[in-house]
């Protein structure tokens, strides 16, 4: 009888999660480390692979079919971690990953969506650096110069850093960068402490504009913020809706679909599984 009750509990547990995060499709095999995501049309998405992958933007369908590959002229994938698009149709690729906090060649590439699917596309290059960082790497308590997420806000690029400090204190910094080619000093404009449990729970891995606000992704949760202004206090109890994701996966990509649902991808691992596109259909947890 105890065994039967345990089975019922497990089935209920899995079913509860299946009602919140639903698998849409398996990603094409070539997309093994999806680390950024855009809803490109009402039935296709754009994504890219993490560090070590080819410098390619992939377009795939809701059914997991590879639609197109966009290649670029004279750029590499040092550590691509984010992709987004602005209201004018410009696509931005963030070569901003900095796990060890040793990079001083952080770059965002920019091109127009009309070139999606073409070869040897030329890009604008926006380089930046963190003026507060003096050592490469800094001390363990100052490991705050990694980033996997940014968005376009008016005429600026807002980068959300990923805290890797030891001990972990969970600070995410918001830096602004001019949306123009050249090398720029990133200006620290705001900070938020999402939590202090660990970087697996409270380090930002992705971000998207969502309805009138934003959505922030971590490995274990995603957070809905109905109101957002990078220059003001936005992380308040009344403004944060937490959504718990099932199990631990390497989730680094989130976007709002044309249907206004949240879509998430995870990276493919031998042990953890993954390599899929999901959509959120669950309920909020305050």
Protein backbone atom coordinates (compact mmCIF):
# COMPACT_ATOMS: atom_id res chain seq x y z
CA UNK A 1 0.00 0.00 0.00
CA UNK A 2 2.86 2.38 0.84
CA UNK A 3 4.43 1.69 -2.55
CA UNK A 4 1.16 2.44 -4.32
CA UNK A 5 0.80 5.73 -2.44
CA UNK A 6 4.35 6.64 -3.39
CA UNK A 7 3.61 5.95 -7.06
CA UNK A 8 0.47 8.10 -6.86
CA UNK A 9 2.46 10.91 -5.29
CA UNK A 10 5.18 10.71 -7.96
CA UNK A 11 2.61 10.70 -10.76
CA UNK A 12 0.85 13.68 -9.19
CA UNK A 13 4.20 15.48 -8.83
CA UNK A 14 5.12 14.95 -12.47
CA UNK A 15 1.62 15.79 -13.67
CA UNK A 16 1.62 19.05 -11.70
CA UNK A 17 4.78 20.14 -13.45
CA UNK A 18 3.47 18.99 -16.82
CA UNK A 19 0.66 21.50 -16.37
CA UNK A 20 3.16 24.33 -15.93
CA UNK A 21 5.99 23.76 -18.40
CA UNK A 22 5.02 21.92 -21.55
CA UNK A 23 7.50 20.55 -24.06
CA UNK A 24 6.82 21.97 -27.51
CA UNK A 25 9.53 20.25 -29.55
CA UNK A 26 13.03 18.88 -29.53
CA UNK A 27 15.56 21.31 -30.92
CA UNK A 28 17.46 20.44 -34.10
CA UNK A 29 20.52 18.33 -33.33
CA UNK A 30 22.91 21.11 -34.32
CA UNK A 31 21.48 23.31 -31.53
CA UNK A 32 22.99 21.63 -28.49
CA UNK A 33 23.59 24.62 -26.18
CA UNK A 34 20.81 27.11 -26.84
CA UNK A 35 21.75 30.20 -24.82
CA UNK A 36 19.46 32.86 -26.27
CA UNK A 37 16.03 32.88 -27.87
CA UNK A 38 13.82 35.17 -29.99
CA UNK A 39 10.31 34.54 -31.27
CA UNK A 40 11.05 35.50 -34.87
CA UNK A 41 7.66 34.77 -36.44
CA UNK A 42 4.46 33.25 -35.09
CA UNK A 43 5.88 29.79 -35.85
CA UNK A 44 9.69 30.13 -35.78
CA UNK A 45 12.42 31.10 -33.33
CA UNK A 46 16.01 32.31 -33.51
CA UNK A 47 18.68 30.90 -31.24
CA UNK A 48 22.45 30.42 -30.96
CA UNK A 49 24.87 28.05 -29.31
CA UNK A 50 26.98 28.80 -26.25
CA UNK A 51 30.77 29.16 -26.10
CA UNK A 52 32.68 26.97 -28.52
CA UNK A 53 29.80 26.77 -30.96
CA UNK A 54 29.89 28.02 -34.50
CA UNK A 55 29.20 31.77 -34.94
CA UNK A 56 25.77 31.06 -36.43
CA UNK A 57 22.21 32.18 -35.71
CA UNK A 58 19.78 29.31 -36.20
CA UNK A 59 16.12 29.62 -37.16
CA UNK A 60 13.93 26.67 -36.23
CA UNK A 61 10.22 25.92 -36.29
CA UNK A 62 7.67 24.95 -33.65
CA UNK A 63 8.05 21.39 -34.91
CA UNK A 64 11.83 21.35 -34.41
CA UNK A 65 12.77 21.73 -38.07
CA UNK A 66 15.88 23.75 -38.91
CA UNK A 67 14.72 26.57 -41.20
CA UNK A 68 17.85 28.64 -41.83
CA UNK A 69 21.37 29.43 -40.71
CA UNK A 70 22.79 32.95 -40.65
CA UNK A 71 26.59 33.17 -40.86
CA UNK A 72 28.75 36.23 -40.39
CA UNK A 73 31.81 37.85 -41.82
CA UNK A 74 34.96 37.81 -39.66
CA UNK A 75 33.48 37.25 -36.19
CA UNK A 76 33.83 34.36 -33.77
CA UNK A 77 31.82 32.81 -30.95
CA UNK A 78 33.98 33.32 -27.87
CA UNK A 79 31.04 32.98 -25.48
CA UNK A 80 27.70 33.87 -27.07
CA UNK A 81 25.08 34.09 -24.33
CA UNK A 82 22.12 36.15 -25.52
CA UNK A 83 20.16 37.21 -28.56
CA UNK A 84 17.42 39.83 -28.73
CA UNK A 85 15.69 42.10 -31.23
CA UNK A 86 14.50 45.72 -31.02
CA UNK A 87 11.34 47.34 -32.38
CA UNK A 88 13.15 48.41 -35.58
CA UNK A 89 14.06 44.84 -36.47
CA UNK A 90 17.72 44.93 -35.47
CA UNK A 91 19.05 41.69 -34.00
CA UNK A 92 21.67 41.75 -31.24
CA UNK A 93 24.08 38.93 -30.32
CA UNK A 94 25.80 39.11 -26.96
CA UNK A 95 29.34 37.74 -26.85
CA UNK A 96 29.33 38.63 -23.16
CA UNK A 97 29.90 35.36 -21.29
CA UNK A 98 32.69 35.69 -18.73
CA UNK A 99 32.52 32.74 -16.33
CA UNK A 100 36.01 33.28 -14.95
CA UNK A 101 35.79 37.09 -15.03
CA UNK A 102 38.97 37.29 -17.12
CA UNK A 103 37.70 38.88 -20.35
CA UNK A 104 38.24 42.42 -21.52
CA UNK A 105 36.90 41.78 -25.05
CA UNK A 106 33.15 41.86 -24.37
CA UNK A 107 31.12 42.51 -27.50
CA UNK A 108 27.57 42.88 -28.79
CA UNK A 109 27.01 42.35 -32.52
CA UNK A 110 24.15 44.06 -34.36
CA UNK A 111 22.53 43.40 -37.75
CA UNK A 112 19.09 43.77 -39.33
CA UNK A 113 16.61 40.90 -39.50
CA UNK A 114 16.39 41.25 -43.29
CA UNK A 115 19.68 39.34 -43.41
CA UNK A 116 18.38 36.30 -41.50
CA UNK A 117 19.26 33.17 -43.45
CA UNK A 118 22.06 34.78 -45.44
CA UNK A 119 25.80 34.04 -45.46
CA UNK A 120 28.72 36.32 -44.55
CA UNK A 121 26.51 38.98 -43.02
CA UNK A 122 28.33 42.13 -41.91
CA UNK A 123 27.61 43.33 -38.38
CA UNK A 124 28.06 46.47 -36.33
CA UNK A 125 30.28 45.90 -33.32
CA UNK A 126 29.60 47.38 -29.89
CA UNK A 127 32.49 46.70 -27.49
CA UNK A 128 32.36 47.51 -23.79
CA UNK A 129 34.17 47.07 -20.48
CA UNK A 130 33.33 47.31 -16.78
CA UNK A 131 35.27 50.26 -15.28
CA UNK A 132 34.94 48.85 -11.74
CA UNK A 133 36.98 45.77 -12.66
CA UNK A 134 40.68 46.23 -12.05
CA UNK A 135 41.87 42.60 -11.82
CA UNK A 136 41.38 39.77 -14.30
CA UNK A 137 40.15 37.74 -12.51
CA UNK A 138 39.14 39.73 -9.42
CA UNK A 139 38.95 38.31 -5.90
CA UNK A 140 36.26 35.71 -5.27
CA UNK A 141 34.14 38.31 -3.48
CA UNK A 142 34.14 40.50 -6.63
CA UNK A 143 33.18 37.91 -9.25
CA UNK A 144 30.31 39.98 -10.63
CA UNK A 145 31.49 40.60 -14.22
CA UNK A 146 29.93 37.64 -15.99
CA UNK A 147 26.73 38.24 -17.99
CA UNK A 148 24.26 36.14 -19.94
CA UNK A 149 21.38 38.57 -20.40
CA UNK A 150 20.61 41.98 -21.84
CA UNK A 151 17.74 43.90 -23.41
CA UNK A 152 17.25 47.03 -25.47
CA UNK A 153 15.74 49.92 -23.52
CA UNK A 154 15.02 53.05 -25.53
CA UNK A 155 18.38 53.90 -27.12
CA UNK A 156 20.50 51.91 -24.68
CA UNK A 157 21.59 48.35 -24.07
CA UNK A 158 20.95 47.19 -20.49
CA UNK A 159 23.17 44.31 -19.38
CA UNK A 160 22.22 42.16 -16.36
CA UNK A 161 25.31 40.63 -14.77
CA UNK A 162 25.54 37.13 -13.32
CA UNK A 163 26.80 36.90 -9.75
CA UNK A 164 29.52 34.28 -9.16
CA UNK A 165 30.90 35.51 -5.85
CA UNK A 166 32.18 33.28 -3.06
CA UNK A 167 30.43 33.52 -0.70
CA UNK A 168 27.42 34.07 -2.92
CA UNK A 169 25.52 37.27 -2.16
CA UNK A 170 23.29 37.36 -5.21
CA UNK A 171 23.84 40.84 -6.56
CA UNK A 172 22.82 41.41 -10.17
CA UNK A 173 24.15 44.68 -11.56
CA UNK A 174 22.49 46.60 -14.36
CA UNK A 175 24.89 48.35 -16.73
CA UNK A 176 23.95 50.64 -19.60
CA UNK A 177 25.85 50.78 -22.89
CA UNK A 178 25.24 53.16 -25.81
CA UNK A 179 23.57 51.47 -28.76
CA UNK A 180 26.19 52.68 -31.21
CA UNK A 181 29.33 51.05 -32.67
CA UNK A 182 32.61 51.63 -30.84
CA UNK A 183 34.21 50.82 -27.51
CA UNK A 184 32.30 52.05 -24.48
CA UNK A 185 32.54 52.21 -20.73
CA UNK A 186 29.58 50.33 -19.24
CA UNK A 187 27.84 52.53 -16.67
CA UNK A 188 26.54 50.86 -13.51
CA UNK A 189 23.00 52.21 -13.04
CA UNK A 190 21.20 49.82 -10.68
CA UNK A 191 21.49 46.65 -8.62
CA UNK A 192 19.14 43.95 -7.41
CA UNK A 193 19.57 41.01 -5.04
CA UNK A 194 17.26 38.29 -6.34
CA UNK A 195 18.24 35.90 -3.56
CA UNK A 196 21.28 34.57 -1.72
CA UNK A 197 20.78 30.80 -1.81
CA UNK A 198 23.21 30.02 -4.66
CA UNK A 199 24.11 31.05 -8.19
CA UNK A 200 22.15 28.03 -9.44
CA UNK A 201 18.98 29.54 -7.98
CA UNK A 202 19.50 33.28 -8.17
CA UNK A 203 21.91 34.12 -11.00
CA UNK A 204 20.37 35.67 -14.12
CA UNK A 205 20.73 33.47 -17.23
CA UNK A 206 18.24 35.14 -19.59
CA UNK A 207 15.83 38.03 -19.96
CA UNK A 208 13.05 39.17 -22.27
CA UNK A 209 10.54 41.96 -22.61
CA UNK A 210 7.26 40.48 -21.41
CA UNK A 211 3.92 42.22 -21.87
CA UNK A 212 4.40 45.65 -20.26
CA UNK A 213 7.37 44.54 -18.16
CA UNK A 214 10.11 41.91 -18.28
CA UNK A 215 10.73 38.25 -17.48
CA UNK A 216 13.99 37.09 -15.88
CA UNK A 217 15.24 33.50 -16.10
CA UNK A 218 17.46 31.51 -13.74
CA UNK A 219 18.31 27.81 -13.87
CA UNK A 220 15.50 26.94 -11.47
CA UNK A 221 12.85 29.69 -11.83
CA UNK A 222 11.56 32.51 -13.94
CA UNK A 223 10.32 35.81 -12.59
CA UNK A 224 7.62 38.01 -14.05
CA UNK A 225 7.92 41.75 -13.37
CA UNK A 226 4.84 43.56 -14.69
CA UNK A 227 6.58 46.91 -14.30
CA UNK A 228 10.21 47.65 -15.10
CA UNK A 229 12.44 50.68 -15.28
CA UNK A 230 16.20 50.03 -15.15
CA UNK A 231 16.78 53.35 -13.40
CA UNK A 232 14.32 52.82 -10.55
CA UNK A 233 13.71 50.23 -7.86
CA UNK A 234 11.80 47.46 -9.60
CA UNK A 235 12.54 44.38 -7.46
CA UNK A 236 9.82 44.76 -4.83
CA UNK A 237 7.49 42.17 -3.26
CA UNK A 238 4.48 43.70 -5.00
CA UNK A 239 6.16 43.65 -8.42
CA UNK A 240 7.68 40.15 -8.59
CA UNK A 241 5.78 37.00 -9.53
CA UNK A 242 7.91 33.88 -9.12
CA UNK A 243 7.34 30.84 -11.33
CA UNK A 244 9.01 27.62 -10.21
CA UNK A 245 10.48 25.46 -12.98
CA UNK A 246 10.62 21.65 -12.69
CA UNK A 247 13.91 20.02 -11.76
CA UNK A 248 17.32 21.50 -12.46
CA UNK A 249 18.28 22.15 -16.07
CA UNK A 250 20.77 24.44 -17.75
CA UNK A 251 18.23 27.01 -18.87
CA UNK A 252 19.70 30.12 -20.45
CA UNK A 253 17.13 31.29 -23.00
CA UNK A 254 13.70 32.87 -22.62
CA UNK A 255 11.39 34.86 -24.90
CA UNK A 256 7.82 36.01 -25.29
CA UNK A 257 6.04 34.38 -28.21
CA UNK A 258 3.66 36.02 -30.63
CA UNK A 259 0.91 34.36 -28.57
CA UNK A 260 2.23 36.25 -25.48
CA UNK A 261 3.28 33.00 -23.81
CA UNK A 262 6.73 32.48 -22.33
CA UNK A 263 9.02 30.09 -24.21
CA UNK A 264 12.20 28.60 -22.72
CA UNK A 265 14.95 26.35 -24.06
CA UNK A 266 17.47 24.25 -22.16
CA UNK A 267 20.88 22.94 -23.12
CA UNK A 268 21.36 19.27 -23.98
CA UNK A 269 23.24 17.13 -21.43
CA UNK A 270 23.91 13.41 -21.24
CA UNK A 271 22.74 13.23 -17.61
CA UNK A 272 20.28 16.12 -17.31
CA UNK A 273 18.68 15.62 -20.70
CA UNK A 274 17.26 18.74 -22.31
CA UNK A 275 17.77 20.24 -25.74
CA UNK A 276 14.10 21.16 -26.02
CA UNK A 277 11.76 24.10 -26.51
CA UNK A 278 9.08 24.55 -23.84
CA UNK A 279 6.20 26.91 -23.20
CA UNK A 280 4.91 28.03 -19.82
CA UNK A 281 1.24 27.35 -19.15
CA UNK A 282 1.30 27.33 -15.36
CA UNK A 283 0.15 29.53 -12.56
CA UNK A 284 1.97 32.13 -10.53
CA UNK A 285 3.53 31.65 -7.09
CA UNK A 286 3.77 34.77 -4.96
